[in-house]
Every structure is written in structure tokens, then in C-alpha cells.
Amino acid sequence: MTTVTFEKDGNGQYRSFTCFGHAGFARKRAGRYEPDILCAAITALTANTINGLSELAGEDVTVTKNDEDAFVRCEINSPLKESSILLVDAYLMSLREYEKDYGKNLKVIVKEVI
């Protein structure tokens, strides 16, 4: 299962998001597993959001990842611009839509941190 956790401060500002684990949605067909399309979609959304924040919007973020563990963490080091908030909101919205259909394979958490 993939878990994506968003952390917001007491003012509702994004502080980080972490994506961890393999979705496990790959289907076995003709004796072998097909590519995991859900994992690929989550990975694409995550990479797009991080690249958009850092490369396009110029936000101050710190990215930590470990491909073996399917772990990516994006720490947001300063308040986001309005356009960047929209980008992260769209990421969260897309993941929640996937979660509706693939709840056994994807969990989305939003929590408040100090």
C-alpha cells in the first residue's frame, strides 16, 4: 500500500508531504505481473508536484528519497506562494480521487503538526 501524508501547520499552511510504499496494484496476467499503473500514476503526480514547486515556482523545498523503499519526502521550508498552494491542493485532490477507487492500495492522510 502507498501512503501519502500531508503535514500542515496550525495556520493550514503546507509544511511537507511524504509518499511511502508500493501500491501493490499490479495484476498477474499470463503468469507474470503487469506494470503497476496505480504506482506509476502516484509517482508521476508526486514528481510533477515536486518539480513544479522547485523548478517552476522556485519554492524552497528539501527533497529526500529512497527508491528501494519507494520513499519520497518534500519538506517545505518557507510559506508557499498562492500558485504553489494551488499546485499542492491539486496533488492532494487527485490523490483523494484515486483513493476513492483504490482504497485498498492508497491511503491519503492530512495531519496538523506544530
PDB file of N, CA and C in Angstrom:
ATOM      1  N   MET A   1       0.835  -1.179   0.000  1.00  0.00           N
ATOM      2  CA  MET A   1       0.000   0.000   0.000  1.00  0.00           C
ATOM      3  C   MET A   1       0.880   1.242   0.000  1.00  0.00           C
ATOM      4  N   THR A   2       0.441   2.241  -0.739  1.00  0.00           N
ATOM      5  CA  THR A   2       1.103   3.538  -0.729  1.00  0.00           C
ATOM      6  C   THR A   2       0.357   4.442   0.240  1.00  0.00           C
ATOM      7  N   THR A   3       1.106   5.132   1.069  1.00  0.00           N
ATOM      8  CA  THR A   3       0.536   6.119   1.980  1.00  0.00           C
ATOM      9  C   THR A   3       1.160   7.467   1.662  1.00  0.00           C
ATOM     10  N   VAL A   4       0.307   8.464   1.480  1.00  0.00           N
ATOM     11  CA  VAL A   4       0.785   9.825   1.253  1.00  0.00           C
ATOM     12  C   VAL A   4       0.266  10.669   2.407  1.00  0.00           C
ATOM     13  N   THR A   5       1.202  11.268   3.140  1.00  0.00           N
ATOM     14  CA  THR A   5       0.854  12.070   4.306  1.00  0.00           C
ATOM     15  C   THR A   5       1.231  13.524   4.060  1.00  0.00           C
ATOM     16  N   PHE A   6       0.253  14.392   4.226  1.00  0.00           N
ATOM     17  CA  PHE A   6       0.463  15.835   4.121  1.00  0.00           C
ATOM     18  C   PHE A   6       0.481  16.397   5.535  1.00  0.00           C
ATOM     19  N   GLU A   7       1.446  17.247   5.809  1.00  0.00           N
ATOM     20  CA  GLU A   7       1.528  17.901   7.111  1.00  0.00           C
ATOM     21  C   GLU A   7       1.283  19.386   6.922  1.00  0.00           C
ATOM     22  N   LYS A   8       0.354  19.908   7.733  1.00  0.00           N
ATOM     23  CA  LYS A   8       0.035  21.337   7.709  1.00  0.00           C
ATOM     24  C   LYS A   8       0.252  21.899   9.109  1.00  0.00           C
ATOM     25  N   ASP A   9       0.628  23.171   9.170  1.00  0.00           N
ATOM     26  CA  ASP A   9       0.783  23.794  10.475  1.00  0.00           C
ATOM     27  C   ASP A   9      -0.572  24.292  10.983  1.00  0.00           C
ATOM     28  N   GLY A  10      -0.578  24.893  12.154  1.00  0.00           N
ATOM     29  CA  GLY A  10      -1.821  25.366  12.766  1.00  0.00           C
ATOM     30  C   GLY A  10      -2.559  26.414  11.965  1.00  0.00           C
ATOM     31  N   ASN A  11      -1.865  27.064  11.021  1.00  0.00           N
ATOM     32  CA  ASN A  11      -2.483  28.068  10.148  1.00  0.00           C
ATOM     33  C   ASN A  11      -2.965  27.476   8.831  1.00  0.00           C
ATOM     34  N   GLY A  12      -2.853  26.153   8.699  1.00  0.00           N
ATOM     35  CA  GLY A  12      -3.293  25.489   7.480  1.00  0.00           C
ATOM     36  C   GLY A  12      -2.286  25.531   6.345  1.00  0.00           C
ATOM     37  N   GLN A  13      -1.049  25.978   6.631  1.00  0.00           N
ATOM     38  CA  GLN A  13      -0.011  26.046   5.608  1.00  0.00           C
ATOM     39  C   GLN A  13       0.676  24.689   5.466  1.00  0.00           C
ATOM     40  N   TYR A  14       0.899  24.279   4.238  1.00  0.00           N
ATOM     41  CA  TYR A  14       1.615  23.025   3.995  1.00  0.00           C
ATOM     42  C   TYR A  14       3.040  23.127   4.540  1.00  0.00           C
ATOM     43  N   ARG A  15       3.475  22.094   5.252  1.00  0.00           N
ATOM     44  CA  ARG A  15       4.844  22.023   5.764  1.00  0.00           C
ATOM     45  C   ARG A  15       5.639  20.925   5.067  1.00  0.00           C
ATOM     46  N   SER A  16       4.943  19.835   4.669  1.00  0.00           N
ATOM     47  CA  SER A  16       5.616  18.733   3.982  1.00  0.00           C
ATOM     48  C   SER A  16       4.585  17.777   3.418  1.00  0.00           C
ATOM     49  N   PHE A  17       5.061  16.885   2.552  1.00  0.00           N
ATOM     50  CA  PHE A  17       4.284  15.718   2.175  1.00  0.00           C
ATOM     51  C   PHE A  17       5.250  14.568   1.954  1.00  0.00           C
ATOM     52  N   THR A  18       4.787  13.382   2.323  1.00  0.00           N
ATOM     53  CA  THR A  18       5.606  12.180   2.244  1.00  0.00           C
ATOM     54  C   THR A  18       4.815  11.096   1.539  1.00  0.00           C
ATOM     55  N   CYS A  19       5.444  10.459   0.575  1.00  0.00           N
ATOM     56  CA  CYS A  19       4.843   9.347  -0.164  1.00  0.00           C
ATOM     57  C   CYS A  19       5.701   8.120   0.124  1.00  0.00           C
ATOM     58  N   PHE A  20       5.058   7.043   0.597  1.00  0.00           N
ATOM     59  CA  PHE A  20       5.817   5.875   1.019  1.00  0.00           C
ATOM     60  C   PHE A  20       5.097   4.591   0.637  1.00  0.00           C
ATOM     61  N   GLY A  21       5.834   3.638   0.091  1.00  0.00           N
ATOM     62  CA  GLY A  21       5.319   2.301  -0.161  1.00  0.00           C
ATOM     63  C   GLY A  21       4.847   2.080  -1.584  1.00  0.00           C
ATOM     64  N   HIS A  22       4.801   0.823  -1.946  1.00  0.00           N
ATOM     65  CA  HIS A  22       4.316   0.420  -3.265  1.00  0.00           C
ATOM     66  C   HIS A  22       2.816   0.153  -3.201  1.00  0.00           C
ATOM     67  N   ALA A  23       2.112   0.585  -4.209  1.00  0.00           N
ATOM     68  CA  ALA A  23       0.651   0.451  -4.226  1.00  0.00           C
ATOM     69  C   ALA A  23       0.210  -1.014  -4.229  1.00  0.00           C
ATOM     70  N   GLY A  24       0.972  -1.875  -4.867  1.00  0.00           N
ATOM     71  CA  GLY A  24       0.604  -3.290  -4.908  1.00  0.00           C
ATOM     72  C   GLY A  24      -0.609  -3.567  -5.780  1.00  0.00           C
ATOM     73  N   PHE A  25      -0.781  -2.782  -6.822  1.00  0.00           N
ATOM     74  CA  PHE A  25      -1.944  -2.933  -7.696  1.00  0.00           C
ATOM     75  C   PHE A  25      -1.634  -3.740  -8.953  1.00  0.00           C
ATOM     76  N   ALA A  26      -0.384  -4.115  -9.153  1.00  0.00           N
ATOM     77  CA  ALA A  26      -0.010  -4.870 -10.352  1.00  0.00           C
ATOM     78  C   ALA A  26      -0.843  -6.141 -10.450  1.00  0.00           C
ATOM     79  N   ARG A  27      -1.328  -6.417 -11.628  1.00  0.00           N
ATOM     80  CA  ARG A  27      -2.170  -7.599 -11.852  1.00  0.00           C
ATOM     81  C   ARG A  27      -1.363  -8.694 -12.527  1.00  0.00           C
ATOM     82  N   LYS A  28      -1.647  -9.915 -12.113  1.00  0.00           N
ATOM     83  CA  LYS A  28      -0.973 -11.053 -12.730  1.00  0.00           C
ATOM     84  C   LYS A  28      -1.768 -11.470 -13.959  1.00  0.00           C
ATOM     85  N   ARG A  29      -1.066 -11.570 -15.077  1.00  0.00           N
ATOM     86  CA  ARG A  29      -1.716 -11.938 -16.330  1.00  0.00           C
ATOM     87  C   ARG A  29      -0.743 -12.814 -17.110  1.00  0.00           C
ATOM     88  N   ALA A  30      -1.244 -13.921 -17.568  1.00  0.00           N
ATOM     89  CA  ALA A  30      -0.440 -14.862 -18.345  1.00  0.00           C
ATOM     90  C   ALA A  30       0.834 -15.266 -17.602  1.00  0.00           C
ATOM     91  N   GLY A  31       0.704 -15.480 -16.300  1.00  0.00           N
ATOM     92  CA  GLY A  31       1.814 -15.967 -15.499  1.00  0.00           C
ATOM     93  C   GLY A  31       2.839 -14.935 -15.080  1.00  0.00           C
ATOM     94  N   ARG A  32       2.611 -13.659 -15.405  1.00  0.00           N
ATOM     95  CA  ARG A  32       3.551 -12.623 -14.976  1.00  0.00           C
ATOM     96  C   ARG A  32       2.781 -11.364 -14.584  1.00  0.00           C
ATOM     97  N   TYR A  33       3.444 -10.531 -13.826  1.00  0.00           N
ATOM     98  CA  TYR A  33       2.807  -9.300 -13.366  1.00  0.00           C
ATOM     99  C   TYR A  33       2.955  -8.192 -14.395  1.00  0.00           C
ATOM    100  N   GLU A  34       1.869  -7.487 -14.619  1.00  0.00           N
ATOM    101  CA  GLU A  34       1.896  -6.302 -15.468  1.00  0.00           C
ATOM    102  C   GLU A  34       2.434  -5.135 -14.647  1.00  0.00           C
ATOM    103  N   PRO A  35       2.836  -4.072 -15.291  1.00  0.00           N
ATOM    104  CA  PRO A  35       3.283  -2.900 -14.530  1.00  0.00           C
ATOM    105  C   PRO A  35       2.162  -2.382 -13.620  1.00  0.00           C
ATOM    106  N   ASP A  36       2.552  -1.830 -12.503  1.00  0.00           N
ATOM    107  CA  ASP A  36       1.600  -1.303 -11.531  1.00  0.00           C
ATOM    108  C   ASP A  36       1.199   0.108 -11.965  1.00  0.00           C
ATOM    109  N   ILE A  37       0.055   0.220 -12.633  1.00  0.00           N
ATOM    110  CA  ILE A  37      -0.363   1.514 -13.176  1.00  0.00           C
ATOM    111  C   ILE A  37      -0.725   2.512 -12.077  1.00  0.00           C
ATOM    112  N   LEU A  38      -1.216   2.039 -10.944  1.00  0.00           N
ATOM    113  CA  LEU A  38      -1.543   2.950  -9.857  1.00  0.00           C
ATOM    114  C   LEU A  38      -0.262   3.547  -9.270  1.00  0.00           C
ATOM    115  N   CYS A  39       0.724   2.714  -9.048  1.00  0.00           N
ATOM    116  CA  CYS A  39       2.007   3.192  -8.521  1.00  0.00           C
ATOM    117  C   CYS A  39       2.632   4.195  -9.500  1.00  0.00           C
ATOM    118  N   ALA A  40       2.538   3.909 -10.774  1.00  0.00           N
ATOM    119  CA  ALA A  40       3.085   4.822 -11.791  1.00  0.00           C
ATOM    120  C   ALA A  40       2.357   6.163 -11.768  1.00  0.00           C
ATOM    121  N   ALA A  41       1.050   6.136 -11.596  1.00  0.00           N
ATOM    122  CA  ALA A  41       0.274   7.378 -11.560  1.00  0.00           C
ATOM    123  C   ALA A  41       0.626   8.208 -10.324  1.00  0.00           C
ATOM    124  N   ILE A  42       0.745   7.557  -9.179  1.00  0.00           N
ATOM    125  CA  ILE A  42       1.111   8.258  -7.943  1.00  0.00           C
ATOM    126  C   ILE A  42       2.506   8.847  -8.074  1.00  0.00           C
ATOM    127  N   THR A  43       3.426   8.082  -8.630  1.00  0.00           N
ATOM    128  CA  THR A  43       4.797   8.552  -8.824  1.00  0.00           C
ATOM    129  C   THR A  43       4.832   9.764  -9.743  1.00  0.00           C
ATOM    130  N   ALA A  44       4.069   9.722 -10.823  1.00  0.00           N
ATOM    131  CA  ALA A  44       4.033  10.844 -11.765  1.00  0.00           C
ATOM    132  C   ALA A  44       3.464  12.095 -11.107  1.00  0.00           C
ATOM    133  N   LEU A  45       2.383  11.948 -10.359  1.00  0.00           N
ATOM    134  CA  LEU A  45       1.803  13.098  -9.661  1.00  0.00           C
ATOM    135  C   LEU A  45       2.785  13.690  -8.661  1.00  0.00           C
ATOM    136  N   THR A  46       3.454  12.824  -7.920  1.00  0.00           N
ATOM    137  CA  THR A  46       4.395  13.269  -6.895  1.00  0.00           C
ATOM    138  C   THR A  46       5.577  13.999  -7.527  1.00  0.00           C
ATOM    139  N   ALA A  47       6.166  13.399  -8.557  1.00  0.00           N
ATOM    140  CA  ALA A  47       7.305  14.021  -9.231  1.00  0.00           C
ATOM    141  C   ALA A  47       6.903  15.354  -9.866  1.00  0.00           C
ATOM    142  N   ASN A  48       5.738  15.394 -10.482  1.00  0.00           N
ATOM    143  CA  ASN A  48       5.260  16.622 -11.109  1.00  0.00           C
ATOM    144  C   ASN A  48       5.084  17.730 -10.082  1.00  0.00           C
ATOM    145  N   THR A  49       4.534  17.382  -8.931  1.00  0.00           N
ATOM    146  CA  THR A  49       4.309  18.381  -7.890  1.00  0.00           C
ATOM    147  C   THR A  49       5.638  18.909  -7.348  1.00  0.00           C
ATOM    148  N   ILE A  50       6.558  18.013  -7.050  1.00  0.00           N
ATOM    149  CA  ILE A  50       7.859  18.438  -6.528  1.00  0.00           C
ATOM    150  C   ILE A  50       8.610  19.277  -7.559  1.00  0.00           C
ATOM    151  N   ASN A  51       8.636  18.831  -8.807  1.00  0.00           N
ATOM    152  CA  ASN A  51       9.322  19.594  -9.855  1.00  0.00           C
ATOM    153  C   ASN A  51       8.669  20.946 -10.081  1.00  0.00           C
ATOM    154  N   GLY A  52       7.350  20.982 -10.029  1.00  0.00           N
ATOM    155  CA  GLY A  52       6.639  22.250 -10.181  1.00  0.00           C
ATOM    156  C   GLY A  52       6.987  23.227  -9.072  1.00  0.00           C
ATOM    157  N   LEU A  53       7.030  22.718  -7.847  1.00  0.00           N
ATOM    158  CA  LEU A  53       7.370  23.579  -6.714  1.00  0.00           C
ATOM    159  C   LEU A  53       8.799  24.101  -6.812  1.00  0.00           C
ATOM    160  N   SER A  54       9.733  23.206  -7.074  1.00  0.00           N
ATOM    161  CA  SER A  54      11.142  23.608  -7.037  1.00  0.00           C
ATOM    162  C   SER A  54      11.602  24.298  -8.318  1.00  0.00           C
ATOM    163  N   GLU A  55      11.269  23.734  -9.471  1.00  0.00           N
ATOM    164  CA  GLU A  55      11.798  24.250 -10.727  1.00  0.00           C
ATOM    165  C   GLU A  55      10.971  25.387 -11.324  1.00  0.00           C
ATOM    166  N   LEU A  56       9.664  25.269 -11.297  1.00  0.00           N
ATOM    167  CA  LEU A  56       8.825  26.296 -11.919  1.00  0.00           C
ATOM    168  C   LEU A  56       8.498  27.444 -10.975  1.00  0.00           C
ATOM    169  N   ALA A  57       8.124  27.106  -9.734  1.00  0.00           N
ATOM    170  CA  ALA A  57       7.699  28.142  -8.793  1.00  0.00           C
ATOM    171  C   ALA A  57       8.864  28.701  -7.975  1.00  0.00           C
ATOM    172  N   GLY A  58      10.009  28.001  -7.985  1.00  0.00           N
ATOM    173  CA  GLY A  58      11.161  28.479  -7.236  1.00  0.00           C
ATOM    174  C   GLY A  58      10.998  28.418  -5.732  1.00  0.00           C
ATOM    175  N   GLU A  59      10.175  27.492  -5.267  1.00  0.00           N
ATOM    176  CA  GLU A  59       9.951  27.351  -3.822  1.00  0.00           C
ATOM    177  C   GLU A  59      11.171  26.718  -3.151  1.00  0.00           C
ATOM    178  N   ASP A  60      11.341  27.027  -1.882  1.00  0.00           N
ATOM    179  CA  ASP A  60      12.437  26.470  -1.078  1.00  0.00           C
ATOM    180  C   ASP A  60      11.965  25.149  -0.485  1.00  0.00           C
ATOM    181  N   VAL A  61      12.334  24.052  -1.131  1.00  0.00           N
ATOM    182  CA  VAL A  61      11.943  22.722  -0.660  1.00  0.00           C
ATOM    183  C   VAL A  61      13.178  21.841  -0.526  1.00  0.00           C
ATOM    184  N   THR A  62      13.082  20.889   0.377  1.00  0.00           N
ATOM    185  CA  THR A  62      14.123  19.885   0.545  1.00  0.00           C
ATOM    186  C   THR A  62      13.508  18.533   0.245  1.00  0.00           C
ATOM    187  N   VAL A  63      14.089  17.810  -0.696  1.00  0.00           N
ATOM    188  CA  VAL A  63      13.545  16.519  -1.115  1.00  0.00           C
ATOM    189  C   VAL A  63      14.488  15.410  -0.671  1.00  0.00           C
ATOM    190  N   THR A  64      13.905  14.407  -0.023  1.00  0.00           N
ATOM    191  CA  THR A  64      14.633  13.218   0.387  1.00  0.00           C
ATOM    192  C   THR A  64      13.938  12.036  -0.255  1.00  0.00           C
ATOM    193  N   LYS A  65      14.709  11.129  -0.849  1.00  0.00           N
ATOM    194  CA  LYS A  65      14.068   9.966  -1.453  1.00  0.00           C
ATOM    195  C   LYS A  65      14.952   8.739  -1.342  1.00  0.00           C
ATOM    196  N   ASN A  66      14.286   7.603  -1.383  1.00  0.00           N
ATOM    197  CA  ASN A  66      14.951   6.313  -1.377  1.00  0.00           C
ATOM    198  C   ASN A  66      14.136   5.421  -2.299  1.00  0.00           C
ATOM    199  N   ASP A  67      14.647   5.173  -3.489  1.00  0.00           N
ATOM    200  CA  ASP A  67      13.905   4.408  -4.482  1.00  0.00           C
ATOM    201  C   ASP A  67      13.627   2.969  -4.036  1.00  0.00           C
ATOM    202  N   GLU A  68      14.557   2.369  -3.318  1.00  0.00           N
ATOM    203  CA  GLU A  68      14.360   0.984  -2.860  1.00  0.00           C
ATOM    204  C   GLU A  68      13.133   0.845  -1.970  1.00  0.00           C
ATOM    205  N   ASP A  69      12.915   1.848  -1.122  1.00  0.00           N
ATOM    206  CA  ASP A  69      11.786   1.812  -0.190  1.00  0.00           C
ATOM    207  C   ASP A  69      10.554   2.530  -0.731  1.00  0.00           C
ATOM    208  N   ALA A  70      10.625   3.031  -1.953  1.00  0.00           N
ATOM    209  CA  ALA A  70       9.536   3.823  -2.534  1.00  0.00           C
ATOM    210  C   ALA A  70       9.163   4.952  -1.581  1.00  0.00           C
ATOM    211  N   PHE A  71      10.173   5.726  -1.181  1.00  0.00           N
ATOM    212  CA  PHE A  71      10.005   6.800  -0.208  1.00  0.00           C
ATOM    213  C   PHE A  71      10.416   8.121  -0.824  1.00  0.00           C
ATOM    214  N   VAL A  72       9.531   9.123  -0.727  1.00  0.00           N
ATOM    215  CA  VAL A  72       9.842  10.484  -1.159  1.00  0.00           C
ATOM    216  C   VAL A  72       9.236  11.428  -0.127  1.00  0.00           C
ATOM    217  N   ARG A  73      10.054  12.358   0.352  1.00  0.00           N
ATOM    218  CA  ARG A  73       9.568  13.377   1.288  1.00  0.00           C
ATOM    219  C   ARG A  73       9.956  14.742   0.749  1.00  0.00           C
ATOM    220  N   CYS A  74       8.995  15.647   0.729  1.00  0.00           N
ATOM    221  CA  CYS A  74       9.221  17.016   0.302  1.00  0.00           C
ATOM    222  C   CYS A  74       8.914  17.929   1.484  1.00  0.00           C
ATOM    223  N   GLU A  75       9.962  18.531   2.034  1.00  0.00           N
ATOM    224  CA  GLU A  75       9.794  19.476   3.139  1.00  0.00           C
ATOM    225  C   GLU A  75       9.730  20.881   2.565  1.00  0.00           C
ATOM    226  N   ILE A  76       8.744  21.624   2.989  1.00  0.00           N
ATOM    227  CA  ILE A  76       8.522  22.980   2.501  1.00  0.00           C
ATOM    228  C   ILE A  76       9.111  23.927   3.543  1.00  0.00           C
ATOM    229  N   ASN A  77      10.158  24.641   3.153  1.00  0.00           N
ATOM    230  CA  ASN A  77      10.962  25.395   4.109  1.00  0.00           C
ATOM    231  C   ASN A  77      10.496  26.822   4.364  1.00  0.00           C
ATOM    232  N   SER A  78       9.554  27.309   3.588  1.00  0.00           N
ATOM    233  CA  SER A  78       9.010  28.649   3.797  1.00  0.00           C
ATOM    234  C   SER A  78       7.576  28.657   3.276  1.00  0.00           C
ATOM    235  N   PRO A  79       6.784  29.641   3.698  1.00  0.00           N
ATOM    236  CA  PRO A  79       5.391  29.680   3.226  1.00  0.00           C
ATOM    237  C   PRO A  79       5.323  29.681   1.697  1.00  0.00           C
ATOM    238  N   LEU A  80       4.382  28.900   1.178  1.00  0.00           N
ATOM    239  CA  LEU A  80       4.223  28.782  -0.273  1.00  0.00           C
ATOM    240  C   LEU A  80       3.504  29.986  -0.867  1.00  0.00           C
ATOM    241  N   LYS A  81       3.864  30.302  -2.101  1.00  0.00           N
ATOM    242  CA  LYS A  81       3.137  31.305  -2.870  1.00  0.00           C
ATOM    243  C   LYS A  81       1.735  30.756  -3.169  1.00  0.00           C
ATOM    244  N   GLU A  82       0.813  31.636  -3.483  1.00  0.00           N
ATOM    245  CA  GLU A  82      -0.562  31.228  -3.758  1.00  0.00           C
ATOM    246  C   GLU A  82      -0.640  30.202  -4.892  1.00  0.00           C
ATOM    247  N   SER A  83       0.127  30.409  -5.941  1.00  0.00           N
ATOM    248  CA  SER A  83       0.106  29.469  -7.066  1.00  0.00           C
ATOM    249  C   SER A  83       0.651  28.105  -6.654  1.00  0.00           C
ATOM    250  N   SER A  84       1.610  28.077  -5.753  1.00  0.00           N
ATOM    251  CA  SER A  84       2.173  26.816  -5.279  1.00  0.00           C
ATOM    252  C   SER A  84       1.198  26.072  -4.377  1.00  0.00           C
ATOM    253  N   ILE A  85       0.440  26.814  -3.588  1.00  0.00           N
ATOM    254  CA  ILE A  85      -0.600  26.189  -2.760  1.00  0.00           C
ATOM    255  C   ILE A  85      -1.596  25.491  -3.672  1.00  0.00           C
ATOM    256  N   LEU A  86      -1.957  26.138  -4.758  1.00  0.00           N
ATOM    257  CA  LEU A  86      -2.880  25.549  -5.725  1.00  0.00           C
ATOM    258  C   LEU A  86      -2.315  24.257  -6.301  1.00  0.00           C
ATOM    259  N   LEU A  87      -1.030  24.232  -6.571  1.00  0.00           N
ATOM    260  CA  LEU A  87      -0.370  23.044  -7.101  1.00  0.00           C
ATOM    261  C   LEU A  87      -0.451  21.881  -6.107  1.00  0.00           C
ATOM    262  N   VAL A  88      -0.155  22.139  -4.835  1.00  0.00           N
ATOM    263  CA  VAL A  88      -0.210  21.082  -3.823  1.00  0.00           C
ATOM    264  C   VAL A  88      -1.657  20.672  -3.561  1.00  0.00           C
ATOM    265  N   ASP A  89      -2.580  21.633  -3.574  1.00  0.00           N
ATOM    266  CA  ASP A  89      -4.005  21.303  -3.431  1.00  0.00           C
ATOM    267  C   ASP A  89      -4.463  20.370  -4.551  1.00  0.00           C
ATOM    268  N   ALA A  90      -4.007  20.630  -5.782  1.00  0.00           N
ATOM    269  CA  ALA A  90      -4.379  19.778  -6.920  1.00  0.00           C
ATOM    270  C   ALA A  90      -3.805  18.373  -6.754  1.00  0.00           C
ATOM    271  N   TYR A  91      -2.593  18.275  -6.252  1.00  0.00           N
ATOM    272  CA  TYR A  91      -1.964  16.974  -5.962  1.00  0.00           C
ATOM    273  C   TYR A  91      -2.795  16.207  -4.941  1.00  0.00           C
ATOM    274  N   LEU A  92      -3.143  16.873  -3.856  1.00  0.00           N
ATOM    275  CA  LEU A  92      -3.964  16.252  -2.813  1.00  0.00           C
ATOM    276  C   LEU A  92      -5.324  15.829  -3.359  1.00  0.00           C
ATOM    277  N   MET A  93      -5.964  16.687  -4.144  1.00  0.00           N
ATOM    278  CA  MET A  93      -7.271  16.372  -4.715  1.00  0.00           C
ATOM    279  C   MET A  93      -7.196  15.146  -5.628  1.00  0.00           C
ATOM    280  N   SER A  94      -6.164  15.085  -6.457  1.00  0.00           N
ATOM    281  CA  SER A  94      -6.003  13.945  -7.365  1.00  0.00           C
ATOM    282  C   SER A  94      -5.801  12.654  -6.581  1.00  0.00           C
ATOM    283  N   LEU A  95      -4.960  12.704  -5.560  1.00  0.00           N
ATOM    284  CA  LEU A  95      -4.728  11.509  -4.740  1.00  0.00           C
ATOM    285  C   LEU A  95      -6.007  11.054  -4.041  1.00  0.00           C
ATOM    286  N   ARG A  96      -6.807  11.996  -3.562  1.00  0.00           N
ATOM    287  CA  ARG A  96      -8.076  11.625  -2.903  1.00  0.00           C
ATOM    288  C   ARG A  96      -9.037  10.970  -3.888  1.00  0.00           C
ATOM    289  N   GLU A  97      -9.016  11.410  -5.130  1.00  0.00           N
ATOM    290  CA  GLU A  97      -9.850  10.757  -6.148  1.00  0.00           C
ATOM    291  C   GLU A  97      -9.382   9.326  -6.381  1.00  0.00           C
ATOM    292  N   TYR A  98      -8.078   9.118  -6.479  1.00  0.00           N
ATOM    293  CA  TYR A  98      -7.543   7.758  -6.618  1.00  0.00           C
ATOM    294  C   TYR A  98      -7.903   6.908  -5.411  1.00  0.00           C
ATOM    295  N   GLU A  99      -7.832   7.511  -4.234  1.00  0.00           N
ATOM    296  CA  GLU A  99      -8.131   6.776  -3.001  1.00  0.00           C
ATOM    297  C   GLU A  99      -9.575   6.266  -2.992  1.00  0.00           C
ATOM    298  N   LYS A 100     -10.498   7.019  -3.571  1.00  0.00           N
ATOM    299  CA  LYS A 100     -11.900   6.578  -3.639  1.00  0.00           C
ATOM    300  C   LYS A 100     -12.023   5.262  -4.406  1.00  0.00           C
ATOM    301  N   ASP A 101     -11.257   5.132  -5.472  1.00  0.00           N
ATOM    302  CA  ASP A 101     -11.335   3.944  -6.318  1.00  0.00           C
ATOM    303  C   ASP A 101     -10.384   2.831  -5.899  1.00  0.00           C
ATOM    304  N   TYR A 102      -9.288   3.194  -5.259  1.00  0.00           N
ATOM    305  CA  TYR A 102      -8.238   2.218  -4.931  1.00  0.00           C
ATOM    306  C   TYR A 102      -7.856   2.275  -3.454  1.00  0.00           C
ATOM    307  N   GLY A 103      -8.854   2.352  -2.600  1.00  0.00           N
ATOM    308  CA  GLY A 103      -8.636   2.496  -1.164  1.00  0.00           C
ATOM    309  C   GLY A 103      -7.855   1.369  -0.517  1.00  0.00           C
ATOM    310  N   LYS A 104      -7.844   0.214  -1.144  1.00  0.00           N
ATOM    311  CA  LYS A 104      -7.059  -0.900  -0.599  1.00  0.00           C
ATOM    312  C   LYS A 104      -5.580  -0.739  -0.922  1.00  0.00           C
ATOM    313  N   ASN A 105      -5.273   0.151  -1.862  1.00  0.00           N
ATOM    314  CA  ASN A 105      -3.905   0.313  -2.330  1.00  0.00           C
ATOM    315  C   ASN A 105      -3.304   1.691  -2.038  1.00  0.00           C
ATOM    316  N   LEU A 106      -4.142   2.631  -1.639  1.00  0.00           N
ATOM    317  CA  LEU A 106      -3.686   4.004  -1.424  1.00  0.00           C
ATOM    318  C   LEU A 106      -4.412   4.615  -0.237  1.00  0.00           C
ATOM    319  N   LYS A 107      -3.639   5.216   0.655  1.00  0.00           N
ATOM    320  CA  LYS A 107      -4.209   5.936   1.804  1.00  0.00           C
ATOM    321  C   LYS A 107      -3.629   7.342   1.800  1.00  0.00           C
ATOM    322  N   VAL A 108      -4.519   8.327   1.943  1.00  0.00           N
ATOM    323  CA  VAL A 108      -4.107   9.736   1.979  1.00  0.00           C
ATOM    324  C   VAL A 108      -4.454  10.291   3.355  1.00  0.00           C
ATOM    325  N   ILE A 109      -3.463  10.908   3.985  1.00  0.00           N
ATOM    326  CA  ILE A 109      -3.626  11.440   5.338  1.00  0.00           C
ATOM    327  C   ILE A 109      -3.239  12.914   5.326  1.00  0.00           C
ATOM    328  N   VAL A 110      -4.045  13.736   5.972  1.00  0.00           N
ATOM    329  CA  VAL A 110      -3.684  15.137   6.192  1.00  0.00           C
ATOM    330  C   VAL A 110      -3.684  15.343   7.695  1.00  0.00           C
ATOM    331  N   LYS A 111      -2.542  15.812   8.228  1.00  0.00           N
ATOM    332  CA  LYS A 111      -2.480  15.993   9.676  1.00  0.00           C
ATOM    333  C   LYS A 111      -1.850  17.326  10.010  1.00  0.00           C
ATOM    334  N   GLU A 112      -2.223  17.807  11.191  1.00  0.00           N
ATOM    335  CA  GLU A 112      -1.686  19.073  11.677  1.00  0.00           C
ATOM    336  C   GLU A 112      -0.448  18.793  12.504  1.00  0.00           C
ATOM    337  N   VAL A 113       0.581  19.602  12.284  1.00  0.00           N
ATOM    338  CA  VAL A 113       1.831  19.491  13.037  1.00  0.00           C
ATOM    339  C   VAL A 113       2.125  20.838  13.698  1.00  0.00           C
ATOM    340  N   ILE A 114       2.938  20.791  14.703  1.00  0.00           N
ATOM    341  CA  ILE A 114       3.291  22.022  15.419  1.00  0.00           C
ATOM    342  C   ILE A 114       4.513  22.646  14.777  1.00  0.00           C
TER     343      ILE A 114
END
